[in-house]
Amino acid sequence: MKHRYLKNVTTLAYSEDKCAGCGKCAEVCPHGVFAVRKRKAYVVDRDACMECGACALNCPVDAISVKSGVGCAVAYMNAWSMGDEPSCDCSDGDCC
């Protein structure tokens, strides 16, 4: 079963131009967000990102960034685990 979080809310950012094609992101991502094709990484499923930051921490050329522990996905996961209502503190109110 594939893990799914909230649609279009991850803080994951990827620059194909910076990518060296080492494949570290695909190796360390626990949810298969990345794969490598033609010596470049690509995002397979952005919405599967749990914002753990493993990809960004292991990218030797800083082609990936992610804000771990912030945003709507974390707010929902924390609320669900605590039995509370989620609050991601979005300024525009459209993300949740």
Protein backbone atom coordinates (compact mmCIF):
# COMPACT_ATOMS: atom_id res chain seq x y z
CA MET A 1 0.00 0.00 0.00
CA LYS A 2 1.35 3.39 -0.95
CA HIS A 3 1.41 6.09 1.73
CA ARG A 4 -0.60 9.17 0.84
CA TYR A 5 -0.67 12.48 2.58
CA LEU A 6 -2.38 15.70 1.61
CA LYS A 7 -2.51 16.66 -2.03
CA ASN A 8 -0.29 19.56 -3.16
CA VAL A 9 0.94 20.66 0.28
CA THR A 10 4.48 19.29 0.60
CA THR A 11 7.37 21.74 0.95
CA LEU A 12 9.53 19.53 -1.30
CA ALA A 13 11.41 21.46 -3.98
CA TYR A 14 13.64 19.83 -6.60
CA SER A 15 15.92 21.38 -9.24
CA GLU A 16 16.61 19.08 -12.19
CA ASP A 17 19.24 21.56 -13.42
CA LYS A 18 21.32 21.06 -10.25
CA CYS A 19 20.84 17.28 -10.15
CA ALA A 20 24.02 15.21 -10.68
CA GLY A 21 22.09 11.95 -11.09
CA CYS A 22 23.73 10.14 -8.17
CA GLY A 23 20.44 8.56 -7.09
CA LYS A 24 20.94 9.13 -3.36
CA CYS A 25 17.47 10.68 -3.08
CA ALA A 26 15.85 7.57 -4.53
CA GLU A 27 17.93 5.34 -2.24
CA VAL A 28 17.00 7.08 1.01
CA CYS A 29 13.38 8.09 0.41
CA PRO A 30 11.16 5.79 2.47
CA HIS A 31 8.11 6.41 0.23
CA GLY A 32 9.60 6.25 -3.27
CA VAL A 33 9.08 9.90 -4.08
CA PHE A 34 12.16 9.90 -6.35
CA ALA A 35 13.50 7.69 -9.13
CA VAL A 36 16.39 8.11 -11.57
CA ARG A 37 16.01 8.09 -15.33
CA LYS A 38 18.59 9.06 -17.94
CA ARG A 39 21.10 10.09 -15.25
CA LYS A 40 18.71 12.56 -13.57
CA ALA A 41 16.41 12.16 -10.62
CA TYR A 42 12.76 12.91 -11.08
CA VAL A 43 9.80 13.17 -8.74
CA VAL A 44 7.57 10.11 -9.08
CA ASP A 45 4.91 11.14 -6.57
CA ARG A 46 5.26 14.47 -4.75
CA ASP A 47 2.16 13.80 -2.62
CA ALA A 48 3.81 10.71 -1.10
CA CYS A 49 6.45 12.95 0.54
CA MET A 50 6.30 12.88 4.33
CA GLU A 51 8.82 15.74 4.59
CA CYS A 52 11.39 13.70 6.53
CA GLY A 53 14.25 15.52 4.78
CA ALA A 54 16.35 12.42 4.02
CA CYS A 55 16.54 13.29 0.33
CA ALA A 56 17.76 16.84 0.94
CA LEU A 57 20.26 15.76 3.59
CA ASN A 58 21.78 13.20 1.23
CA CYS A 59 21.84 15.30 -1.96
CA PRO A 60 25.50 16.25 -2.56
CA VAL A 61 24.63 19.11 -4.92
CA ASP A 62 21.73 20.73 -3.01
CA ALA A 63 19.23 20.00 -5.77
CA ILE A 64 16.55 19.18 -3.19
CA SER A 65 15.09 21.15 -0.33
CA VAL A 66 12.30 20.31 2.07
CA LYS A 67 11.19 21.97 5.28
CA SER A 68 10.96 19.08 7.70
CA GLY A 69 8.41 19.33 10.47
CA VAL A 70 6.37 22.21 9.03
CA GLY A 71 3.33 22.63 6.86
CA CYS A 72 -0.06 21.04 6.51
CA ALA A 73 1.09 17.43 6.20
CA VAL A 74 2.84 17.58 9.57
CA ALA A 75 -0.08 19.41 11.16
CA TYR A 76 -2.48 16.69 10.05
CA MET A 77 -0.18 13.83 11.09
CA ASN A 78 0.39 15.37 14.51
CA ALA A 79 -3.32 16.00 15.02
CA TRP A 80 -4.29 12.50 13.96
CA SER A 81 -1.72 10.94 16.28
CA MET A 82 -2.89 13.09 19.22
CA GLY A 83 -6.62 12.85 18.48
CA ASP A 84 -6.89 16.62 17.92
CA GLU A 85 -8.12 18.83 15.11
CA PRO A 86 -5.37 19.82 12.65
CA SER A 87 -4.19 23.39 12.40
CA CYS A 88 -1.49 24.24 9.88
CA ASP A 89 -1.73 27.98 10.44
CA CYS A 90 -2.05 28.79 6.75
CA SER A 91 -2.22 32.47 6.05
CA ASP A 92 -4.45 32.13 2.99
CA GLY A 93 -6.69 29.39 4.37
CA ASP A 94 -6.59 27.44 1.09
CA CYS A 95 -4.11 24.72 1.92
CA CYS A 96 -6.19 22.53 4.19
